[in-house]
Amino acid sequence: MAAELGVETHVLRHWESVGALTVRRDGNGYRVYDDRALEQARTVLRLRRVGLSLPEVTAAMAPTKAAAQGVVRAKIAALEEEIAHRRQAVTFLRHTAECRHRYLDDCPECAAFVHGA
């Protein structure tokens, strides 16, 4: 299953240890990665790839839809805030690339950005 997902086996064991992945055990205690576990692992991987931490993944996979939606909505808000900050950074960098002033403090626009105005 690790090879199919493109992750190391220790990653699967870690996901299991933190409760993000539930894996059935056979009579000898060996892990059984059935279709349900594979689909659950794919979901964990997708959620990790979009930026959720393992605790957020675990919460997003909660049995109640309302609890899962709350985690996802909170992540959306955090990502939107990050996007806004990055857009501000791009705007600032574009200005500084074209700014006629030698030093940031000599330019009112640059100084305002640097000082948080």
PDB file of N, CA and C in Angstrom:
ATOM      1  N   MET A   1       0.823  -1.187   0.000  1.00  0.00           N
ATOM      2  CA  MET A   1       0.000   0.000   0.000  1.00  0.00           C
ATOM      3  C   MET A   1       0.869   1.254   0.000  1.00  0.00           C
ATOM      4  N   ALA A   2       1.969   1.238   0.727  1.00  0.00           N
ATOM      5  CA  ALA A   2       2.859   2.396   0.770  1.00  0.00           C
ATOM      6  C   ALA A   2       3.356   2.733  -0.634  1.00  0.00           C
ATOM      7  N   ALA A   3       3.766   1.722  -1.377  1.00  0.00           N
ATOM      8  CA  ALA A   3       4.259   1.944  -2.741  1.00  0.00           C
ATOM      9  C   ALA A   3       3.162   2.508  -3.636  1.00  0.00           C
ATOM     10  N   GLU A   4       1.964   1.988  -3.495  1.00  0.00           N
ATOM     11  CA  GLU A   4       0.847   2.473  -4.308  1.00  0.00           C
ATOM     12  C   GLU A   4       0.553   3.940  -4.032  1.00  0.00           C
ATOM     13  N   LEU A   5       0.695   4.359  -2.780  1.00  0.00           N
ATOM     14  CA  LEU A   5       0.440   5.749  -2.396  1.00  0.00           C
ATOM     15  C   LEU A   5       1.649   6.656  -2.619  1.00  0.00           C
ATOM     16  N   GLY A   6       2.818   6.046  -2.776  1.00  0.00           N
ATOM     17  CA  GLY A   6       4.027   6.840  -2.943  1.00  0.00           C
ATOM     18  C   GLY A   6       4.561   7.411  -1.649  1.00  0.00           C
ATOM     19  N   VAL A   7       4.338   6.682  -0.544  1.00  0.00           N
ATOM     20  CA  VAL A   7       4.850   7.100   0.765  1.00  0.00           C
ATOM     21  C   VAL A   7       5.674   5.961   1.362  1.00  0.00           C
ATOM     22  N   GLU A   8       6.442   6.295   2.367  1.00  0.00           N
ATOM     23  CA  GLU A   8       7.224   5.277   3.074  1.00  0.00           C
ATOM     24  C   GLU A   8       6.315   4.519   4.040  1.00  0.00           C
ATOM     25  N   THR A   9       6.686   3.292   4.357  1.00  0.00           N
ATOM     26  CA  THR A   9       5.871   2.481   5.277  1.00  0.00           C
ATOM     27  C   THR A   9       5.785   3.110   6.657  1.00  0.00           C
ATOM     28  N   HIS A  10       6.848   3.782   7.084  1.00  0.00           N
ATOM     29  CA  HIS A  10       6.809   4.402   8.417  1.00  0.00           C
ATOM     30  C   HIS A  10       5.769   5.519   8.468  1.00  0.00           C
ATOM     31  N   VAL A  11       5.466   6.125   7.319  1.00  0.00           N
ATOM     32  CA  VAL A  11       4.438   7.168   7.271  1.00  0.00           C
ATOM     33  C   VAL A  11       3.075   6.560   7.584  1.00  0.00           C
ATOM     34  N   LEU A  12       2.795   5.417   6.992  1.00  0.00           N
ATOM     35  CA  LEU A  12       1.522   4.737   7.270  1.00  0.00           C
ATOM     36  C   LEU A  12       1.417   4.361   8.750  1.00  0.00           C
ATOM     37  N   ARG A  13       2.500   3.851   9.297  1.00  0.00           N
ATOM     38  CA  ARG A  13       2.485   3.485  10.726  1.00  0.00           C
ATOM     39  C   ARG A  13       2.274   4.721  11.600  1.00  0.00           C
ATOM     40  N   HIS A  14       2.884   5.840  11.201  1.00  0.00           N
ATOM     41  CA  HIS A  14       2.708   7.085  11.969  1.00  0.00           C
ATOM     42  C   HIS A  14       1.263   7.559  11.883  1.00  0.00           C
ATOM     43  N   TRP A  15       0.693   7.544  10.684  1.00  0.00           N
ATOM     44  CA  TRP A  15      -0.705   7.936  10.537  1.00  0.00           C
ATOM     45  C   TRP A  15      -1.596   7.077  11.430  1.00  0.00           C
ATOM     46  N   GLU A  16      -1.280   5.804  11.492  1.00  0.00           N
ATOM     47  CA  GLU A  16      -2.059   4.897  12.341  1.00  0.00           C
ATOM     48  C   GLU A  16      -1.866   5.253  13.813  1.00  0.00           C
ATOM     49  N   SER A  17      -0.644   5.542  14.214  1.00  0.00           N
ATOM     50  CA  SER A  17      -0.364   5.816  15.630  1.00  0.00           C
ATOM     51  C   SER A  17      -1.028   7.096  16.129  1.00  0.00           C
ATOM     52  N   VAL A  18      -1.247   8.068  15.227  1.00  0.00           N
ATOM     53  CA  VAL A  18      -1.887   9.319  15.654  1.00  0.00           C
ATOM     54  C   VAL A  18      -3.394   9.301  15.429  1.00  0.00           C
ATOM     55  N   GLY A  19      -3.908   8.201  14.901  1.00  0.00           N
ATOM     56  CA  GLY A  19      -5.351   8.063  14.743  1.00  0.00           C
ATOM     57  C   GLY A  19      -5.909   8.564  13.424  1.00  0.00           C
ATOM     58  N   ALA A  20      -5.042   8.920  12.474  1.00  0.00           N
ATOM     59  CA  ALA A  20      -5.521   9.387  11.175  1.00  0.00           C
ATOM     60  C   ALA A  20      -5.869   8.230  10.249  1.00  0.00           C
ATOM     61  N   LEU A  21      -5.367   7.053  10.552  1.00  0.00           N
ATOM     62  CA  LEU A  21      -5.594   5.869   9.721  1.00  0.00           C
ATOM     63  C   LEU A  21      -5.933   4.697  10.630  1.00  0.00           C
ATOM     64  N   THR A  22      -7.003   3.995  10.275  1.00  0.00           N
ATOM     65  CA  THR A  22      -7.408   2.812  11.029  1.00  0.00           C
ATOM     66  C   THR A  22      -7.124   1.584  10.178  1.00  0.00           C
ATOM     67  N   VAL A  23      -6.301   0.704  10.717  1.00  0.00           N
ATOM     68  CA  VAL A  23      -5.911  -0.500   9.978  1.00  0.00           C
ATOM     69  C   VAL A  23      -6.307  -1.722  10.794  1.00  0.00           C
ATOM     70  N   ARG A  24      -7.010  -2.629  10.134  1.00  0.00           N
ATOM     71  CA  ARG A  24      -7.430  -3.877  10.769  1.00  0.00           C
ATOM     72  C   ARG A  24      -6.213  -4.775  10.956  1.00  0.00           C
ATOM     73  N   ARG A  25      -6.238  -5.591  12.002  1.00  0.00           N
ATOM     74  CA  ARG A  25      -5.172  -6.575  12.259  1.00  0.00           C
ATOM     75  C   ARG A  25      -5.732  -7.980  12.087  1.00  0.00           C
ATOM     76  N   ASP A  26      -4.873  -8.857  11.581  1.00  0.00           N
ATOM     77  CA  ASP A  26      -5.301 -10.254  11.460  1.00  0.00           C
ATOM     78  C   ASP A  26      -5.073 -10.971  12.784  1.00  0.00           C
ATOM     79  N   GLY A  27      -5.317 -12.269  12.810  1.00  0.00           N
ATOM     80  CA  GLY A  27      -5.187 -13.061  14.029  1.00  0.00           C
ATOM     81  C   GLY A  27      -3.788 -13.060  14.617  1.00  0.00           C
ATOM     82  N   ASN A  28      -2.779 -12.822  13.801  1.00  0.00           N
ATOM     83  CA  ASN A  28      -1.394 -12.785  14.274  1.00  0.00           C
ATOM     84  C   ASN A  28      -0.914 -11.362  14.590  1.00  0.00           C
ATOM     85  N   GLY A  29      -1.813 -10.389  14.467  1.00  0.00           N
ATOM     86  CA  GLY A  29      -1.444  -9.013  14.774  1.00  0.00           C
ATOM     87  C   GLY A  29      -0.852  -8.247  13.600  1.00  0.00           C
ATOM     88  N   TYR A  30      -0.808  -8.856  12.427  1.00  0.00           N
ATOM     89  CA  TYR A  30      -0.284  -8.168  11.242  1.00  0.00           C
ATOM     90  C   TYR A  30      -1.332  -7.208  10.684  1.00  0.00           C
ATOM     91  N   ARG A  31      -0.864  -6.093  10.186  1.00  0.00           N
ATOM     92  CA  ARG A  31      -1.762  -5.117   9.583  1.00  0.00           C
ATOM     93  C   ARG A  31      -2.357  -5.676   8.292  1.00  0.00           C
ATOM     94  N   VAL A  32      -3.643  -5.413   8.100  1.00  0.00           N
ATOM     95  CA  VAL A  32      -4.331  -5.817   6.884  1.00  0.00           C
ATOM     96  C   VAL A  32      -4.812  -4.540   6.195  1.00  0.00           C
ATOM     97  N   TYR A  33      -4.158  -4.218   5.102  1.00  0.00           N
ATOM     98  CA  TYR A  33      -4.521  -3.023   4.346  1.00  0.00           C
ATOM     99  C   TYR A  33      -5.539  -3.401   3.272  1.00  0.00           C
ATOM    100  N   ASP A  34      -6.799  -3.374   3.656  1.00  0.00           N
ATOM    101  CA  ASP A  34      -7.870  -3.719   2.727  1.00  0.00           C
ATOM    102  C   ASP A  34      -8.290  -2.461   1.954  1.00  0.00           C
ATOM    103  N   ASP A  35      -9.322  -2.611   1.120  1.00  0.00           N
ATOM    104  CA  ASP A  35      -9.775  -1.486   0.287  1.00  0.00           C
ATOM    105  C   ASP A  35     -10.204  -0.287   1.129  1.00  0.00           C
ATOM    106  N   ARG A  36     -10.834  -0.552   2.267  1.00  0.00           N
ATOM    107  CA  ARG A  36     -11.283   0.536   3.141  1.00  0.00           C
ATOM    108  C   ARG A  36     -10.085   1.311   3.673  1.00  0.00           C
ATOM    109  N   ALA A  37      -9.051   0.601   4.108  1.00  0.00           N
ATOM    110  CA  ALA A  37      -7.845   1.250   4.621  1.00  0.00           C
ATOM    111  C   ALA A  37      -7.127   2.020   3.514  1.00  0.00           C
ATOM    112  N   LEU A  38      -7.119   1.461   2.316  1.00  0.00           N
ATOM    113  CA  LEU A  38      -6.483   2.134   1.188  1.00  0.00           C
ATOM    114  C   LEU A  38      -7.198   3.440   0.871  1.00  0.00           C
ATOM    115  N   GLU A  39      -8.518   3.399   0.836  1.00  0.00           N
ATOM    116  CA  GLU A  39      -9.276   4.617   0.550  1.00  0.00           C
ATOM    117  C   GLU A  39      -9.095   5.648   1.667  1.00  0.00           C
ATOM    118  N   GLN A  40      -9.053   5.199   2.901  1.00  0.00           N
ATOM    119  CA  GLN A  40      -8.829   6.103   4.027  1.00  0.00           C
ATOM    120  C   GLN A  40      -7.432   6.734   3.912  1.00  0.00           C
ATOM    121  N   ALA A  41      -6.438   5.938   3.560  1.00  0.00           N
ATOM    122  CA  ALA A  41      -5.076   6.452   3.403  1.00  0.00           C
ATOM    123  C   ALA A  41      -5.001   7.452   2.257  1.00  0.00           C
ATOM    124  N   ARG A  42      -5.719   7.210   1.184  1.00  0.00           N
ATOM    125  CA  ARG A  42      -5.756   8.166   0.074  1.00  0.00           C
ATOM    126  C   ARG A  42      -6.348   9.498   0.532  1.00  0.00           C
ATOM    127  N   THR A  43      -7.380   9.419   1.353  1.00  0.00           N
ATOM    128  CA  THR A  43      -7.990  10.637   1.879  1.00  0.00           C
ATOM    129  C   THR A  43      -7.006  11.386   2.769  1.00  0.00           C
ATOM    130  N   VAL A  44      -6.309  10.663   3.635  1.00  0.00           N
ATOM    131  CA  VAL A  44      -5.294  11.293   4.490  1.00  0.00           C
ATOM    132  C   VAL A  44      -4.249  11.986   3.619  1.00  0.00           C
ATOM    133  N   LEU A  45      -3.778  11.304   2.609  1.00  0.00           N
ATOM    134  CA  LEU A  45      -2.753  11.856   1.723  1.00  0.00           C
ATOM    135  C   LEU A  45      -3.260  13.113   1.016  1.00  0.00           C
ATOM    136  N   ARG A  46      -4.488  13.079   0.514  1.00  0.00           N
ATOM    137  CA  ARG A  46      -5.056  14.262  -0.159  1.00  0.00           C
ATOM    138  C   ARG A  46      -5.147  15.444   0.803  1.00  0.00           C
ATOM    139  N   LEU A  47      -5.622  15.178   2.007  1.00  0.00           N
ATOM    140  CA  LEU A  47      -5.756  16.256   2.991  1.00  0.00           C
ATOM    141  C   LEU A  47      -4.393  16.808   3.406  1.00  0.00           C
ATOM    142  N   ARG A  48      -3.398  15.947   3.519  1.00  0.00           N
ATOM    143  CA  ARG A  48      -2.037  16.408   3.838  1.00  0.00           C
ATOM    144  C   ARG A  48      -1.491  17.267   2.708  1.00  0.00           C
ATOM    145  N   ARG A  49      -1.757  16.864   1.472  1.00  0.00           N
ATOM    146  CA  ARG A  49      -1.239  17.602   0.313  1.00  0.00           C
ATOM    147  C   ARG A  49      -1.854  18.979   0.166  1.00  0.00           C
ATOM    148  N   VAL A  50      -3.055  19.186   0.693  1.00  0.00           N
ATOM    149  CA  VAL A  50      -3.655  20.521   0.638  1.00  0.00           C
ATOM    150  C   VAL A  50      -3.345  21.335   1.879  1.00  0.00           C
ATOM    151  N   GLY A  51      -2.482  20.788   2.740  1.00  0.00           N
ATOM    152  CA  GLY A  51      -1.967  21.590   3.839  1.00  0.00           C
ATOM    153  C   GLY A  51      -2.494  21.312   5.227  1.00  0.00           C
ATOM    154  N   LEU A  52      -3.338  20.303   5.391  1.00  0.00           N
ATOM    155  CA  LEU A  52      -3.814  20.009   6.732  1.00  0.00           C
ATOM    156  C   LEU A  52      -2.745  19.260   7.522  1.00  0.00           C
ATOM    157  N   SER A  53      -2.613  19.619   8.781  1.00  0.00           N
ATOM    158  CA  SER A  53      -1.718  18.895   9.682  1.00  0.00           C
ATOM    159  C   SER A  53      -2.382  17.565  10.035  1.00  0.00           C
ATOM    160  N   LEU A  54      -1.622  16.654  10.610  1.00  0.00           N
ATOM    161  CA  LEU A  54      -2.232  15.367  10.993  1.00  0.00           C
ATOM    162  C   LEU A  54      -3.363  15.537  12.005  1.00  0.00           C
ATOM    163  N   PRO A  55      -3.227  16.403  13.024  1.00  0.00           N
ATOM    164  CA  PRO A  55      -4.384  16.602  13.904  1.00  0.00           C
ATOM    165  C   PRO A  55      -5.602  17.152  13.152  1.00  0.00           C
ATOM    166  N   GLU A  56      -5.365  18.043  12.181  1.00  0.00           N
ATOM    167  CA  GLU A  56      -6.474  18.563  11.376  1.00  0.00           C
ATOM    168  C   GLU A  56      -7.067  17.460  10.501  1.00  0.00           C
ATOM    169  N   VAL A  57      -6.224  16.607   9.947  1.00  0.00           N
ATOM    170  CA  VAL A  57      -6.700  15.480   9.134  1.00  0.00           C
ATOM    171  C   VAL A  57      -7.592  14.583   9.975  1.00  0.00           C
ATOM    172  N   THR A  58      -7.111  14.238  11.155  1.00  0.00           N
ATOM    173  CA  THR A  58      -7.882  13.366  12.044  1.00  0.00           C
ATOM    174  C   THR A  58      -9.237  13.993  12.358  1.00  0.00           C
ATOM    175  N   ALA A  59      -9.233  15.293  12.652  1.00  0.00           N
ATOM    176  CA  ALA A  59     -10.487  15.981  12.960  1.00  0.00           C
ATOM    177  C   ALA A  59     -11.378  16.087  11.721  1.00  0.00           C
ATOM    178  N   ALA A  60     -10.771  16.311  10.558  1.00  0.00           N
ATOM    179  CA  ALA A  60     -11.548  16.426   9.321  1.00  0.00           C
ATOM    180  C   ALA A  60     -12.185  15.098   8.926  1.00  0.00           C
ATOM    181  N   MET A  61     -11.653  14.011   9.445  1.00  0.00           N
ATOM    182  CA  MET A  61     -12.212  12.692   9.151  1.00  0.00           C
ATOM    183  C   MET A  61     -13.120  12.224  10.291  1.00  0.00           C
ATOM    184  N   ALA A  62     -13.574  13.172  11.087  1.00  0.00           N
ATOM    185  CA  ALA A  62     -14.446  12.857  12.224  1.00  0.00           C
ATOM    186  C   ALA A  62     -15.726  12.179  11.738  1.00  0.00           C
ATOM    187  N   PRO A  63     -16.311  11.378  12.611  1.00  0.00           N
ATOM    188  CA  PRO A  63     -17.525  10.665  12.204  1.00  0.00           C
ATOM    189  C   PRO A  63     -18.705  11.587  11.894  1.00  0.00           C
ATOM    190  N   THR A  64     -18.751  12.756  12.514  1.00  0.00           N
ATOM    191  CA  THR A  64     -19.866  13.662  12.239  1.00  0.00           C
ATOM    192  C   THR A  64     -19.452  14.675  11.183  1.00  0.00           C
ATOM    193  N   LYS A  65     -20.331  14.887  10.246  1.00  0.00           N
ATOM    194  CA  LYS A  65     -20.054  15.809   9.138  1.00  0.00           C
ATOM    195  C   LYS A  65     -19.835  17.231   9.656  1.00  0.00           C
ATOM    196  N   ALA A  66     -20.588  17.646  10.655  1.00  0.00           N
ATOM    197  CA  ALA A  66     -20.461  19.006  11.181  1.00  0.00           C
ATOM    198  C   ALA A  66     -19.068  19.251  11.751  1.00  0.00           C
ATOM    199  N   ALA A  67     -18.533  18.277  12.466  1.00  0.00           N
ATOM    200  CA  ALA A  67     -17.191  18.424  13.035  1.00  0.00           C
ATOM    201  C   ALA A  67     -16.145  18.498  11.927  1.00  0.00           C
ATOM    202  N   ALA A  68     -16.291  17.649  10.934  1.00  0.00           N
ATOM    203  CA  ALA A  68     -15.347  17.648   9.815  1.00  0.00           C
ATOM    204  C   ALA A  68     -15.413  18.961   9.051  1.00  0.00           C
ATOM    205  N   GLN A  69     -16.612  19.457   8.813  1.00  0.00           N
ATOM    206  CA  GLN A  69     -16.776  20.709   8.079  1.00  0.00           C
ATOM    207  C   GLN A  69     -16.163  21.885   8.834  1.00  0.00           C
ATOM    208  N   GLY A  70     -16.254  21.865  10.157  1.00  0.00           N
ATOM    209  CA  GLY A  70     -15.664  22.943  10.950  1.00  0.00           C
ATOM    210  C   GLY A  70     -14.164  23.030  10.750  1.00  0.00           C
ATOM    211  N   VAL A  71     -13.506  21.894  10.727  1.00  0.00           N
ATOM    212  CA  VAL A  71     -12.053  21.863  10.521  1.00  0.00           C
ATOM    213  C   VAL A  71     -11.706  22.355   9.125  1.00  0.00           C
ATOM    214  N   VAL A  72     -12.457  21.896   8.140  1.00  0.00           N
ATOM    215  CA  VAL A  72     -12.190  22.285   6.758  1.00  0.00           C
ATOM    216  C   VAL A  72     -12.436  23.779   6.567  1.00  0.00           C
ATOM    217  N   ARG A  73     -13.503  24.291   7.143  1.00  0.00           N
ATOM    218  CA  ARG A  73     -13.780  25.732   7.027  1.00  0.00           C
ATOM    219  C   ARG A  73     -12.683  26.566   7.684  1.00  0.00           C
ATOM    220  N   ALA A  74     -12.201  26.115   8.825  1.00  0.00           N
ATOM    221  CA  ALA A  74     -11.114  26.834   9.497  1.00  0.00           C
ATOM    222  C   ALA A  74      -9.856  26.835   8.636  1.00  0.00           C
ATOM    223  N   LYS A  75      -9.570  25.715   7.966  1.00  0.00           N
ATOM    224  CA  LYS A  75      -8.394  25.653   7.089  1.00  0.00           C
ATOM    225  C   LYS A  75      -8.571  26.564   5.886  1.00  0.00           C
ATOM    226  N   ILE A  76      -9.773  26.614   5.336  1.00  0.00           N
ATOM    227  CA  ILE A  76     -10.039  27.519   4.218  1.00  0.00           C
ATOM    228  C   ILE A  76      -9.773  28.957   4.635  1.00  0.00           C
ATOM    229  N   ALA A  77     -10.254  29.345   5.809  1.00  0.00           N
ATOM    230  CA  ALA A  77     -10.030  30.717   6.299  1.00  0.00           C
ATOM    231  C   ALA A  77      -8.544  31.002   6.466  1.00  0.00           C
ATOM    232  N   ALA A  78      -7.803  30.046   7.015  1.00  0.00           N
ATOM    233  CA  ALA A  78      -6.358  30.236   7.205  1.00  0.00           C
ATOM    234  C   ALA A  78      -5.642  30.362   5.859  1.00  0.00           C
ATOM    235  N   LEU A  79      -6.031  29.551   4.887  1.00  0.00           N
ATOM    236  CA  LEU A  79      -5.413  29.619   3.563  1.00  0.00           C
ATOM    237  C   LEU A  79      -5.752  30.940   2.869  1.00  0.00           C
ATOM    238  N   GLU A  80      -6.997  31.395   3.015  1.00  0.00           N
ATOM    239  CA  GLU A  80      -7.378  32.671   2.414  1.00  0.00           C
ATOM    240  C   GLU A  80      -6.594  33.825   3.028  1.00  0.00           C
ATOM    241  N   GLU A  81      -6.368  33.764   4.328  1.00  0.00           N
ATOM    242  CA  GLU A  81      -5.564  34.791   4.991  1.00  0.00           C
ATOM    243  C   GLU A  81      -4.116  34.749   4.489  1.00  0.00           C
ATOM    244  N   GLU A  82      -3.586  33.543   4.338  1.00  0.00           N
ATOM    245  CA  GLU A  82      -2.226  33.396   3.816  1.00  0.00           C
ATOM    246  C   GLU A  82      -2.123  33.941   2.390  1.00  0.00           C
ATOM    247  N   ILE A  83      -3.139  33.679   1.581  1.00  0.00           N
ATOM    248  CA  ILE A  83      -3.157  34.199   0.212  1.00  0.00           C
ATOM    249  C   ILE A  83      -3.154  35.723   0.222  1.00  0.00           C
ATOM    250  N   ALA A  84      -3.949  36.317   1.098  1.00  0.00           N
ATOM    251  CA  ALA A  84      -3.999  37.782   1.193  1.00  0.00           C
ATOM    252  C   ALA A  84      -2.640  38.344   1.578  1.00  0.00           C
ATOM    253  N   HIS A  85      -1.976  37.707   2.537  1.00  0.00           N
ATOM    254  CA  HIS A  85      -0.641  38.162   2.951  1.00  0.00           C
ATOM    255  C   HIS A  85       0.360  38.025   1.806  1.00  0.00           C
ATOM    256  N   ARG A  86       0.282  36.953   1.083  1.00  0.00           N
ATOM    257  CA  ARG A  86       1.211  36.746  -0.036  1.00  0.00           C
ATOM    258  C   ARG A  86       0.945  37.745  -1.165  1.00  0.00           C
ATOM    259  N   ARG A  87      -0.327  38.078  -1.384  1.00  0.00           N
ATOM    260  CA  ARG A  87      -0.642  39.096  -2.395  1.00  0.00           C
ATOM    261  C   ARG A  87      -0.061  40.448  -1.984  1.00  0.00           C
ATOM    262  N   GLN A  88      -0.164  40.766  -0.703  1.00  0.00           N
ATOM    263  CA  GLN A  88       0.430  42.014  -0.212  1.00  0.00           C
ATOM    264  C   GLN A  88       1.940  41.992  -0.416  1.00  0.00           C
ATOM    265  N   ALA A  89       2.556  40.854  -0.157  1.00  0.00           N
ATOM    266  CA  ALA A  89       4.000  40.738  -0.333  1.00  0.00           C
ATOM    267  C   ALA A  89       4.380  40.923  -1.798  1.00  0.00           C
ATOM    268  N   VAL A  90       3.617  40.335  -2.694  1.00  0.00           N
ATOM    269  CA  VAL A  90       3.888  40.488  -4.123  1.00  0.00           C
ATOM    270  C   VAL A  90       3.734  41.946  -4.536  1.00  0.00           C
ATOM    271  N   THR A  91       2.696  42.598  -4.067  1.00  0.00           N
ATOM    272  CA  THR A  91       2.490  44.016  -4.372  1.00  0.00           C
ATOM    273  C   THR A  91       3.669  44.842  -3.882  1.00  0.00           C
ATOM    274  N   PHE A  92       4.097  44.589  -2.659  1.00  0.00           N
ATOM    275  CA  PHE A  92       5.240  45.309  -2.096  1.00  0.00           C
ATOM    276  C   PHE A  92       6.504  45.058  -2.916  1.00  0.00           C
ATOM    277  N   LEU A  93       6.772  43.804  -3.239  1.00  0.00           N
ATOM    278  CA  LEU A  93       7.981  43.469  -3.988  1.00  0.00           C
ATOM    279  C   LEU A  93       7.952  44.069  -5.394  1.00  0.00           C
ATOM    280  N   ARG A  94       6.786  44.062  -6.015  1.00  0.00           N
ATOM    281  CA  ARG A  94       6.686  44.697  -7.333  1.00  0.00           C
ATOM    282  C   ARG A  94       7.002  46.187  -7.236  1.00  0.00           C
ATOM    283  N   HIS A  95       6.468  46.806  -6.194  1.00  0.00           N
ATOM    284  CA  HIS A  95       6.747  48.237  -6.015  1.00  0.00           C
ATOM    285  C   HIS A  95       8.236  48.468  -5.780  1.00  0.00           C
ATOM    286  N   THR A  96       8.839  47.675  -4.901  1.00  0.00           N
ATOM    287  CA  THR A  96      10.260  47.900  -4.599  1.00  0.00           C
ATOM    288  C   THR A  96      11.134  47.634  -5.816  1.00  0.00           C
ATOM    289  N   ALA A  97      10.724  46.702  -6.681  1.00  0.00           N
ATOM    290  CA  ALA A  97      11.505  46.425  -7.891  1.00  0.00           C
ATOM    291  C   ALA A  97      11.509  47.632  -8.835  1.00  0.00           C
ATOM    292  N   GLU A  98      10.446  48.405  -8.803  1.00  0.00           N
ATOM    293  CA  GLU A  98      10.326  49.564  -9.694  1.00  0.00           C
ATOM    294  C   GLU A  98      10.533  50.897  -8.972  1.00  0.00           C
ATOM    295  N   CYS A  99      10.706  50.854  -7.663  1.00  0.00           N
ATOM    296  CA  CYS A  99      10.790  52.081  -6.858  1.00  0.00           C
ATOM    297  C   CYS A  99      12.008  52.916  -7.268  1.00  0.00           C
ATOM    298  N   ARG A 100      11.802  54.225  -7.343  1.00  0.00           N
ATOM    299  CA  ARG A 100      12.890  55.124  -7.725  1.00  0.00           C
ATOM    300  C   ARG A 100      13.774  55.490  -6.546  1.00  0.00           C
ATOM    301  N   HIS A 101      13.349  55.164  -5.327  1.00  0.00           N
ATOM    302  CA  HIS A 101      14.129  55.499  -4.139  1.00  0.00           C
ATOM    303  C   HIS A 101      15.204  54.433  -3.890  1.00  0.00           C
ATOM    304  N   ARG A 102      16.317  54.852  -3.388  1.00  0.00           N
ATOM    305  CA  ARG A 102      17.433  53.929  -3.115  1.00  0.00           C
ATOM    306  C   ARG A 102      17.156  53.081  -1.880  1.00  0.00           C
ATOM    307  N   TYR A 103      16.618  53.676  -0.852  1.00  0.00           N
ATOM    308  CA  TYR A 103      16.369  52.979   0.415  1.00  0.00           C
ATOM    309  C   TYR A 103      14.874  52.943   0.695  1.00  0.00           C
ATOM    310  N   LEU A 104      14.425  51.851   1.298  1.00  0.00           N
ATOM    311  CA  LEU A 104      12.994  51.689   1.565  1.00  0.00           C
ATOM    312  C   LEU A 104      12.427  52.828   2.393  1.00  0.00           C
ATOM    313  N   ASP A 105      13.175  53.297   3.390  1.00  0.00           N
ATOM    314  CA  ASP A 105      12.662  54.360   4.255  1.00  0.00           C
ATOM    315  C   ASP A 105      12.548  55.700   3.532  1.00  0.00           C
ATOM    316  N   ASP A 106      13.194  55.839   2.380  1.00  0.00           N
ATOM    317  CA  ASP A 106      13.085  57.084   1.604  1.00  0.00           C
ATOM    318  C   ASP A 106      11.782  57.149   0.819  1.00  0.00           C
ATOM    319  N   CYS A 107      11.135  56.021   0.664  1.00  0.00           N
ATOM    320  CA  CYS A 107       9.892  55.944  -0.105  1.00  0.00           C
ATOM    321  C   CYS A 107       8.712  55.813   0.853  1.00  0.00           C
ATOM    322  N   PRO A 108       7.771  56.737   0.810  1.00  0.00           N
ATOM    323  CA  PRO A 108       6.619  56.659   1.721  1.00  0.00           C
ATOM    324  C   PRO A 108       5.827  55.356   1.573  1.00  0.00           C
ATOM    325  N   GLU A 109       5.662  54.861   0.347  1.00  0.00           N
ATOM    326  CA  GLU A 109       4.906  53.619   0.141  1.00  0.00           C
ATOM    327  C   GLU A 109       5.644  52.419   0.734  1.00  0.00           C
ATOM    328  N   CYS A 110       6.946  52.342   0.508  1.00  0.00           N
ATOM    329  CA  CYS A 110       7.741  51.233   1.053  1.00  0.00           C
ATOM    330  C   CYS A 110       7.769  51.290   2.576  1.00  0.00           C
ATOM    331  N   ALA A 111       7.983  52.493   3.107  1.00  0.00           N
ATOM    332  CA  ALA A 111       8.063  52.649   4.561  1.00  0.00           C
ATOM    333  C   ALA A 111       6.732  52.265   5.213  1.00  0.00           C
ATOM    334  N   ALA A 112       5.635  52.655   4.582  1.00  0.00           N
ATOM    335  CA  ALA A 112       4.327  52.310   5.137  1.00  0.00           C
ATOM    336  C   ALA A 112       4.133  50.802   5.189  1.00  0.00           C
ATOM    337  N   PHE A 113       4.558  50.113   4.158  1.00  0.00           N
ATOM    338  CA  PHE A 113       4.424  48.663   4.153  1.00  0.00           C
ATOM    339  C   PHE A 113       5.317  48.030   5.199  1.00  0.00           C
ATOM    340  N   VAL A 114       6.558  48.466   5.255  1.00  0.00           N
ATOM    341  CA  VAL A 114       7.534  47.895   6.198  1.00  0.00           C
ATOM    342  C   VAL A 114       7.079  48.120   7.640  1.00  0.00           C
ATOM    343  N   HIS A 115       6.488  49.274   7.907  1.00  0.00           N
ATOM    344  CA  HIS A 115       6.078  49.612   9.278  1.00  0.00           C
ATOM    345  C   HIS A 115       4.656  49.185   9.591  1.00  0.00           C
ATOM    346  N   GLY A 116       4.054  48.453   8.660  1.00  0.00           N
ATOM    347  CA  GLY A 116       2.737  47.856   8.935  1.00  0.00           C
ATOM    348  C   GLY A 116       1.566  48.788   8.749  1.00  0.00           C
ATOM    349  N   ALA A 117       1.748  49.846   8.053  1.00  0.00           N
ATOM    350  CA  ALA A 117       0.621  50.789   7.862  1.00  0.00           C
ATOM    351  C   ALA A 117      -0.334  50.299   6.811  1.00  0.00           C
TER     352      ALA A 117
END
